[in-house]
């Protein structure tokens, strides 16, 4: 038919070109399966059922592999969980040592004050002792500042450790739920395959 001979009536009588069957959706897959049944005379229901069974077996195997990978990751989470428990115990131990350090620093400050008082009582003969007492006090004050900073850092570490510990616990629980769901899906698929 030439382009000058075209008319709406003639176009209406032309056979429609076959539309491609979409395969990206469930509807598309169903249409594709129906089209395969209608166009392939030797593809009977038994062959289609066998193809579906093979596809289900492949899906089941893939899901089982995915579940195994998630199990491996969950083992890493369990190790991290145990590591975090150890880290929290170390933090508690460091808090105890920090408290001991603070106590020592306070005693050093008191000692330096007492030394300065005794040096003042001794008068001119204890001049060198006054210098030593002042230096001890200076060191004790620096140690006190470090002890305070250590306490603040330990507190921040506790907060971060606790948050990380809780995240690991939550992640582990989510993974266990995912594994359970995948195992259930595999059982359902295998049940369908065996029917």
Protein backbone atom coordinates (compact mmCIF):
# COMPACT_ATOMS: atom_id res chain seq x y z
CA UNK A 1 0.00 0.00 0.00
CA UNK A 2 1.41 3.40 -0.97
CA UNK A 3 1.32 6.40 1.31
CA UNK A 4 -1.12 8.23 -0.99
CA UNK A 5 -3.54 5.26 -0.82
CA UNK A 6 -3.76 5.30 2.95
CA UNK A 7 -7.10 5.86 4.57
CA UNK A 8 -8.41 5.32 8.08
CA UNK A 9 -10.68 2.52 6.82
CA UNK A 10 -7.77 0.72 5.16
CA UNK A 11 -5.69 0.96 8.35
CA UNK A 12 -8.53 -0.54 10.34
CA UNK A 13 -8.54 -3.63 8.06
CA UNK A 14 -4.79 -4.22 8.25
CA UNK A 15 -3.70 -7.04 10.58
CA UNK A 16 -2.27 -5.75 13.83
CA UNK A 17 1.43 -6.34 14.38
CA UNK A 18 2.10 -8.56 17.38
CA UNK A 19 2.79 -6.52 20.49
CA UNK A 20 5.87 -7.52 22.51
CA UNK A 21 4.96 -9.25 25.72
CA UNK A 22 6.37 -7.43 28.76
CA UNK A 23 8.46 -9.76 30.86
CA UNK A 24 9.39 -7.51 33.76
CA UNK A 25 6.17 -7.98 35.71
CA UNK A 26 4.13 -10.91 36.93
CA UNK A 27 1.44 -10.10 34.40
CA UNK A 28 4.09 -10.10 31.69
CA UNK A 29 5.42 -13.46 32.79
CA UNK A 30 1.91 -14.91 32.81
CA UNK A 31 1.26 -13.57 29.32
CA UNK A 32 4.58 -14.97 28.18
CA UNK A 33 3.70 -18.37 29.62
CA UNK A 34 0.27 -18.31 27.93
CA UNK A 35 1.86 -17.25 24.66
CA UNK A 36 4.35 -20.10 24.93
CA UNK A 37 1.50 -22.57 25.55
CA UNK A 38 -0.52 -21.35 22.59
CA UNK A 39 2.36 -21.12 20.09
CA UNK A 40 4.30 -24.26 20.97
CA UNK A 41 2.17 -27.32 20.25
CA UNK A 42 4.68 -29.70 21.86
CA UNK A 43 4.91 -27.63 25.10
CA UNK A 44 2.15 -29.16 27.12
CA UNK A 45 1.27 -28.58 30.77
CA UNK A 46 3.74 -31.26 31.89
CA UNK A 47 6.67 -29.49 30.25
CA UNK A 48 5.63 -26.12 31.66
CA UNK A 49 5.23 -27.69 35.11
CA UNK A 50 8.72 -29.17 34.76
CA UNK A 51 10.11 -25.76 33.75
CA UNK A 52 8.39 -24.13 36.72
CA UNK A 53 9.76 -26.83 39.01
CA UNK A 54 13.29 -26.29 37.71
CA UNK A 55 12.87 -22.54 38.20
CA UNK A 56 11.60 -23.06 41.75
CA UNK A 57 14.55 -25.35 42.51
CA UNK A 58 16.96 -22.67 41.27
CA UNK A 59 15.21 -20.02 43.37
CA UNK A 60 15.28 -22.30 46.40
CA UNK A 61 19.00 -22.93 45.97
CA UNK A 62 19.68 -19.21 45.58
CA UNK A 63 17.69 -18.39 48.72
CA UNK A 64 19.54 -21.13 50.62
CA UNK A 65 22.87 -19.65 49.50
CA UNK A 66 21.76 -16.17 50.58
CA UNK A 67 20.69 -17.53 53.97
CA UNK A 68 24.10 -19.22 54.37
CA UNK A 69 25.87 -15.93 53.62
CA UNK A 70 23.72 -14.11 56.16
CA UNK A 71 24.53 -16.84 58.72
CA UNK A 72 28.24 -16.20 58.13
CA UNK A 73 27.70 -12.48 58.67
CA UNK A 74 25.71 -13.21 61.81
CA UNK A 75 28.71 -15.14 63.15
CA UNK A 76 30.81 -12.01 62.66
CA UNK A 77 28.15 -10.02 64.52
CA UNK A 78 28.33 -12.54 67.36
CA UNK A 79 32.12 -12.09 67.55
CA UNK A 80 31.67 -8.31 67.56
CA UNK A 81 29.08 -8.70 70.29
CA UNK A 82 31.57 -10.63 72.43
CA UNK A 83 34.31 -8.09 71.64
CA UNK A 84 32.01 -5.26 72.75
CA UNK A 85 31.31 -7.06 76.03
CA UNK A 86 35.08 -7.27 76.61
CA UNK A 87 35.51 -3.61 75.66
CA UNK A 88 32.82 -2.57 78.13
CA UNK A 89 34.58 -4.58 80.86
CA UNK A 90 37.87 -2.85 79.99
CA UNK A 91 36.12 0.52 80.21
CA UNK A 92 34.87 -0.32 83.71
CA UNK A 93 38.42 -1.33 84.69
CA UNK A 94 39.81 1.92 83.27
CA UNK A 95 37.23 3.90 85.26
CA UNK A 96 38.51 2.20 88.43
CA UNK A 97 42.10 3.05 87.53
CA UNK A 98 41.07 6.62 86.69
CA UNK A 99 39.46 6.94 90.11
CA UNK A 100 42.66 5.62 91.73
CA UNK A 101 44.72 8.14 89.74
CA UNK A 102 42.42 10.96 90.88
CA UNK A 103 42.89 9.89 94.49
CA UNK A 104 46.69 9.85 94.11
CA UNK A 105 46.61 13.30 92.51
CA UNK A 106 44.56 14.73 95.41
CA UNK A 107 47.04 13.25 97.89
CA UNK A 108 49.94 14.77 95.94
CA UNK A 109 48.30 18.18 96.07
CA UNK A 110 47.80 17.88 99.83
CA UNK A 111 51.40 16.70 100.23
CA UNK A 112 52.72 19.66 98.24
CA UNK A 113 50.66 22.09 100.32
CA UNK A 114 51.97 20.54 103.56
CA UNK A 115 55.53 20.68 102.23
CA UNK A 116 55.13 24.38 101.41
CA UNK A 117 53.77 25.08 104.92
CA UNK A 118 56.67 23.22 106.58
CA UNK A 119 59.17 25.00 104.34
CA UNK A 120 57.69 28.37 105.35
CA UNK A 121 58.00 27.43 109.05
CA UNK A 122 61.62 26.43 108.61
CA UNK A 123 62.47 29.85 107.26
CA UNK A 124 65.53 30.77 105.25
CA UNK A 125 67.26 27.44 105.74
CA UNK A 126 64.51 25.57 103.83
CA UNK A 127 64.55 27.75 100.75
CA UNK A 128 65.43 24.88 98.40
CA UNK A 129 62.69 22.81 99.94
CA UNK A 130 60.14 25.53 99.03
CA UNK A 131 61.19 25.28 95.36
CA UNK A 132 60.77 21.49 95.42
CA UNK A 133 57.35 21.76 97.09
CA UNK A 134 56.20 24.28 94.47
CA UNK A 135 57.35 21.99 91.67
CA UNK A 136 55.54 19.02 93.23
CA UNK A 137 52.36 21.12 93.44
CA UNK A 138 52.72 22.16 89.77
CA UNK A 139 53.12 18.53 88.70
CA UNK A 140 50.16 17.50 90.86
CA UNK A 141 47.96 20.17 89.24
CA UNK A 142 48.95 18.98 85.75
CA UNK A 143 48.20 15.39 86.80
CA UNK A 144 44.81 16.52 88.09
CA UNK A 145 43.99 18.15 84.72
CA UNK A 146 45.03 14.95 82.91
CA UNK A 147 42.95 12.86 85.32
CA UNK A 148 39.89 15.04 84.62
CA UNK A 149 40.43 14.77 80.85
CA UNK A 150 40.84 11.00 81.17
CA UNK A 151 37.52 10.79 83.03
CA UNK A 152 35.75 12.79 80.30
CA UNK A 153 37.29 10.64 77.55
CA UNK A 154 36.26 7.47 79.36
CA UNK A 155 32.72 8.79 79.65
CA UNK A 156 32.60 9.49 75.88
CA UNK A 157 34.05 6.04 75.22
CA UNK A 158 31.34 4.50 77.41
CA UNK A 159 28.62 6.27 75.44
CA UNK A 160 30.04 5.21 72.08
CA UNK A 161 30.65 1.65 73.26
CA UNK A 162 27.11 1.35 74.61
CA UNK A 163 25.59 2.73 71.39
CA UNK A 164 27.70 0.41 69.24
CA UNK A 165 26.84 -2.54 71.48
CA UNK A 166 23.13 -1.80 71.08
CA UNK A 167 23.48 -1.41 67.29
CA UNK A 168 25.27 -4.74 67.04
CA UNK A 169 22.58 -6.42 69.14
CA UNK A 170 19.80 -4.93 66.99
CA UNK A 171 21.62 -5.88 63.78
CA UNK A 172 22.09 -9.44 65.01
CA UNK A 173 18.40 -9.73 65.86
CA UNK A 174 17.41 -8.41 62.42
CA UNK A 175 19.73 -10.91 60.75
CA UNK A 176 18.32 -13.78 62.77
CA UNK A 177 14.79 -12.70 61.75
CA UNK A 178 15.90 -12.52 58.09
CA UNK A 179 17.47 -15.98 58.31
CA UNK A 180 14.32 -17.36 59.87
CA UNK A 181 12.22 -15.79 57.09
CA UNK A 182 14.50 -17.19 54.40
CA UNK A 183 14.42 -20.65 55.97
CA UNK A 184 10.61 -20.49 56.05
CA UNK A 185 10.54 -19.39 52.41
CA UNK A 186 12.81 -22.28 51.42
CA UNK A 187 10.54 -24.76 53.23
CA UNK A 188 7.48 -23.33 51.47
CA UNK A 189 9.15 -23.48 48.06
CA UNK A 190 10.32 -27.03 48.64
CA UNK A 191 6.80 -27.95 49.73
CA UNK A 192 5.44 -26.53 46.46
CA UNK A 193 8.07 -28.36 44.46
CA UNK A 194 7.28 -31.69 46.13
CA UNK A 195 3.56 -31.38 45.37
